[in-house]
């Protein structure tokens, strides 16, 4: 991949590694689109990185993903790099009575099937 002049979509771009990747690639002169669940995070990051775009998507919702993909194709036809970074890690404590199956299912939906 060339380091500049790309159109890059980064899922999970609103915190941690995804945000750091997005900001660095943006600084290098790429068109960066970040995707995440929390609109306020998208707004905060794009406000501090002029030119960066933010799109809200719930990567656990197939209908939301389908609509998101259509929006990306329409708005960013030059897209040539995808960073699949969306993921969650939920601490589980079987002694607290939490629904371990629900947590596992949500983790699988986000980390595996959403990609």
C-alpha atoms as a PDB file:
ATOM      1  CA  UNK A   1       0.000   0.000   0.000  1.00  0.00           C
ATOM      2  CA  UNK A   2       1.285   3.438  -0.816  1.00  0.00           C
ATOM      3  CA  UNK A   3       1.352   5.666   2.253  1.00  0.00           C
ATOM      4  CA  UNK A   4      -0.498   8.676   0.834  1.00  0.00           C
ATOM      5  CA  UNK A   5      -3.355   9.374  -1.523  1.00  0.00           C
ATOM      6  CA  UNK A   6      -5.540   6.488  -0.347  1.00  0.00           C
ATOM      7  CA  UNK A   7      -9.187   6.450   0.624  1.00  0.00           C
ATOM      8  CA  UNK A   8      -9.275   4.386   3.800  1.00  0.00           C
ATOM      9  CA  UNK A   9     -12.209   3.033   5.823  1.00  0.00           C
ATOM     10  CA  UNK A  10     -11.446   2.058   9.416  1.00  0.00           C
ATOM     11  CA  UNK A  11     -14.098   0.208  11.418  1.00  0.00           C
ATOM     12  CA  UNK A  12     -13.778   0.661  15.158  1.00  0.00           C
ATOM     13  CA  UNK A  13     -12.054   3.971  14.489  1.00  0.00           C
ATOM     14  CA  UNK A  14     -13.390   5.854  17.505  1.00  0.00           C
ATOM     15  CA  UNK A  15     -10.985   4.646  20.186  1.00  0.00           C
ATOM     16  CA  UNK A  16      -7.771   2.835  20.926  1.00  0.00           C
ATOM     17  CA  UNK A  17      -5.784   1.322  18.086  1.00  0.00           C
ATOM     18  CA  UNK A  18      -8.421   2.199  15.468  1.00  0.00           C
ATOM     19  CA  UNK A  19      -8.369   5.870  16.382  1.00  0.00           C
ATOM     20  CA  UNK A  20      -4.562   5.952  16.441  1.00  0.00           C
ATOM     21  CA  UNK A  21      -4.374   4.312  13.005  1.00  0.00           C
ATOM     22  CA  UNK A  22      -6.991   6.722  11.636  1.00  0.00           C
ATOM     23  CA  UNK A  23      -5.234   9.820  12.930  1.00  0.00           C
ATOM     24  CA  UNK A  24      -1.812   8.720  11.689  1.00  0.00           C
ATOM     25  CA  UNK A  25      -3.038   7.776   8.213  1.00  0.00           C
ATOM     26  CA  UNK A  26      -4.957  11.057   8.045  1.00  0.00           C
ATOM     27  CA  UNK A  27      -1.790  12.988   8.975  1.00  0.00           C
ATOM     28  CA  UNK A  28      -0.002  11.272   6.090  1.00  0.00           C
ATOM     29  CA  UNK A  29      -2.457  12.824   3.631  1.00  0.00           C
ATOM     30  CA  UNK A  30      -5.009  10.072   3.147  1.00  0.00           C
ATOM     31  CA  UNK A  31      -8.789  10.463   2.996  1.00  0.00           C
ATOM     32  CA  UNK A  32      -9.859   8.616   6.142  1.00  0.00           C
ATOM     33  CA  UNK A  33     -13.361   7.470   7.019  1.00  0.00           C
ATOM     34  CA  UNK A  34     -13.893   6.159  10.533  1.00  0.00           C
ATOM     35  CA  UNK A  35     -16.851   3.990  11.464  1.00  0.00           C
ATOM     36  CA  UNK A  36     -18.234   3.337  14.920  1.00  0.00           C
ATOM     37  CA  UNK A  37     -21.357   2.959  17.048  1.00  0.00           C
ATOM     38  CA  UNK A  38     -21.172   6.198  19.019  1.00  0.00           C
ATOM     39  CA  UNK A  39     -22.013   9.341  17.081  1.00  0.00           C
ATOM     40  CA  UNK A  40     -20.566  11.621  19.782  1.00  0.00           C
ATOM     41  CA  UNK A  41     -17.183   9.899  19.445  1.00  0.00           C
ATOM     42  CA  UNK A  42     -17.302  10.193  15.644  1.00  0.00           C
ATOM     43  CA  UNK A  43     -18.138  13.898  15.953  1.00  0.00           C
ATOM     44  CA  UNK A  44     -15.341  14.535  18.474  1.00  0.00           C
ATOM     45  CA  UNK A  45     -12.665  12.831  16.388  1.00  0.00           C
ATOM     46  CA  UNK A  46     -13.696  14.361  13.062  1.00  0.00           C
ATOM     47  CA  UNK A  47     -13.871  17.826  14.678  1.00  0.00           C
ATOM     48  CA  UNK A  48     -10.245  17.533  15.779  1.00  0.00           C
ATOM     49  CA  UNK A  49      -9.137  16.075  12.425  1.00  0.00           C
ATOM     50  CA  UNK A  50     -10.473  18.378   9.681  1.00  0.00           C
ATOM     51  CA  UNK A  51     -11.240  16.450   6.511  1.00  0.00           C
ATOM     52  CA  UNK A  52     -11.719  13.122   8.260  1.00  0.00           C
ATOM     53  CA  UNK A  53     -15.203  11.632   7.793  1.00  0.00           C
ATOM     54  CA  UNK A  54     -17.234   9.676  10.342  1.00  0.00           C
ATOM     55  CA  UNK A  55     -20.045   7.210   9.719  1.00  0.00           C
ATOM     56  CA  UNK A  56     -22.181   5.572  12.403  1.00  0.00           C
ATOM     57  CA  UNK A  57     -22.731   1.822  12.119  1.00  0.00           C
ATOM     58  CA  UNK A  58     -23.601  -1.003  14.484  1.00  0.00           C
ATOM     59  CA  UNK A  59     -21.447  -3.872  13.256  1.00  0.00           C
ATOM     60  CA  UNK A  60     -23.670  -6.394  15.079  1.00  0.00           C
ATOM     61  CA  UNK A  61     -26.775  -5.438  13.067  1.00  0.00           C
ATOM     62  CA  UNK A  62     -26.891  -6.983   9.564  1.00  0.00           C
ATOM     63  CA  UNK A  63     -29.402  -4.395   8.292  1.00  0.00           C
ATOM     64  CA  UNK A  64     -27.233  -1.558   9.576  1.00  0.00           C
ATOM     65  CA  UNK A  65     -24.167  -3.096   7.895  1.00  0.00           C
ATOM     66  CA  UNK A  66     -26.023  -3.409   4.579  1.00  0.00           C
ATOM     67  CA  UNK A  67     -27.137   0.241   4.686  1.00  0.00           C
ATOM     68  CA  UNK A  68     -23.643   1.311   5.756  1.00  0.00           C
ATOM     69  CA  UNK A  69     -22.030  -0.566   2.854  1.00  0.00           C
ATOM     70  CA  UNK A  70     -24.378   1.123   0.377  1.00  0.00           C
ATOM     71  CA  UNK A  71     -23.536   4.545   1.832  1.00  0.00           C
ATOM     72  CA  UNK A  72     -19.799   3.858   1.631  1.00  0.00           C
ATOM     73  CA  UNK A  73     -20.040   2.689  -2.000  1.00  0.00           C
ATOM     74  CA  UNK A  74     -22.048   5.779  -2.936  1.00  0.00           C
ATOM     75  CA  UNK A  75     -20.024   8.404  -1.052  1.00  0.00           C
ATOM     76  CA  UNK A  76     -16.529   6.968  -1.423  1.00  0.00           C
ATOM     77  CA  UNK A  77     -16.184   5.232  -4.808  1.00  0.00           C
ATOM     78  CA  UNK A  78     -12.388   5.621  -4.652  1.00  0.00           C
ATOM     79  CA  UNK A  79     -12.158   3.507  -1.465  1.00  0.00           C
ATOM     80  CA  UNK A  80      -9.084   1.318  -1.805  1.00  0.00           C
ATOM     81  CA  UNK A  81      -8.100   0.361   1.764  1.00  0.00           C
ATOM     82  CA  UNK A  82     -10.177  -1.289   4.498  1.00  0.00           C
ATOM     83  CA  UNK A  83      -9.011  -1.726   8.088  1.00  0.00           C
ATOM     84  CA  UNK A  84     -11.367  -4.135   9.892  1.00  0.00           C
ATOM     85  CA  UNK A  85     -10.694  -3.059  13.450  1.00  0.00           C
ATOM     86  CA  UNK A  86     -14.143  -3.189  15.096  1.00  0.00           C
ATOM     87  CA  UNK A  87     -14.139  -5.471  18.101  1.00  0.00           C
ATOM     88  CA  UNK A  88     -15.091  -5.791  21.733  1.00  0.00           C
ATOM     89  CA  UNK A  89     -13.691  -7.534  24.771  1.00  0.00           C
ATOM     90  CA  UNK A  90     -16.154  -7.961  27.606  1.00  0.00           C
ATOM     91  CA  UNK A  91     -14.810  -9.170  30.943  1.00  0.00           C
ATOM     92  CA  UNK A  92     -16.714 -12.200  32.192  1.00  0.00           C
ATOM     93  CA  UNK A  93     -17.093 -13.231  35.811  1.00  0.00           C
ATOM     94  CA  UNK A  94     -19.113 -16.419  36.110  1.00  0.00           C
ATOM     95  CA  UNK A  95     -19.553 -15.822  39.856  1.00  0.00           C
ATOM     96  CA  UNK A  96     -21.620 -12.654  39.326  1.00  0.00           C
ATOM     97  CA  UNK A  97     -24.474 -14.393  37.548  1.00  0.00           C
ATOM     98  CA  UNK A  98     -23.987 -12.547  34.269  1.00  0.00           C
ATOM     99  CA  UNK A  99     -25.361 -14.217  31.175  1.00  0.00           C
ATOM    100  CA  UNK A 100     -22.163 -15.700  29.782  1.00  0.00           C
ATOM    101  CA  UNK A 101     -23.961 -17.001  26.685  1.00  0.00           C
ATOM    102  CA  UNK A 102     -25.283 -13.537  25.804  1.00  0.00           C
ATOM    103  CA  UNK A 103     -21.833 -12.001  26.307  1.00  0.00           C
ATOM    104  CA  UNK A 104     -20.225 -14.686  24.138  1.00  0.00           C
ATOM    105  CA  UNK A 105     -22.880 -14.249  21.443  1.00  0.00           C
ATOM    106  CA  UNK A 106     -22.404 -10.442  21.382  1.00  0.00           C
ATOM    107  CA  UNK A 107     -18.629 -10.849  21.218  1.00  0.00           C
ATOM    108  CA  UNK A 108     -18.918 -13.296  18.303  1.00  0.00           C
ATOM    109  CA  UNK A 109     -21.359 -11.001  16.455  1.00  0.00           C
ATOM    110  CA  UNK A 110     -18.979  -8.057  16.806  1.00  0.00           C
ATOM    111  CA  UNK A 111     -15.578  -9.686  16.437  1.00  0.00           C
ATOM    112  CA  UNK A 112     -16.257 -12.432  13.906  1.00  0.00           C
ATOM    113  CA  UNK A 113     -19.497 -12.271  11.940  1.00  0.00           C
ATOM    114  CA  UNK A 114     -19.544  -8.476  11.475  1.00  0.00           C
ATOM    115  CA  UNK A 115     -16.406  -8.586   9.371  1.00  0.00           C
END
